[in-house]
Amino acid sequence: MKKQITIAFAAAAMAFAAGPATYTGIITDNMCDNGDHKDMKMGNDAKCVVECVKGMNGKYVLYDAKAKKAYVLSDQKTPEKFAAKKVTITGTLDDAGKNLKVDKIEAAK
């Protein structure tokens, strides 16, 4: 009986496990993770984002202004072409809610 209950709980947990979701925000870097690059004085935002990632070992993040939260992206190559732009990402958040495993990135509509 205990084994059946355990199996039932495991099956229910798997059914409700979080899968991929969509997240919309601005591609920025973890040094300016709120998307504000004015203090950096490096020119436009896109240039600043790319320079911080490439030249200062930064990481690309998705900044969600509504949630006021930045998510570090697992894909650190594709976001370059979307630097400082609004995008929609399909992916899965880690258990801590800080890292986003990217399945797909596309320009937001």
Foldseek 3Di string as FASTA:
>chain_A
DVVVVVVVVVVVCVVPDDWKDKDKAAKAWPVPQQQDCVVVPPPDQLVVRVCCVVVVVIFIWGQDNVVRAIAGEPDRPVCSVRHGAMWMFIFDADPVRRYTYTPDIDHDD
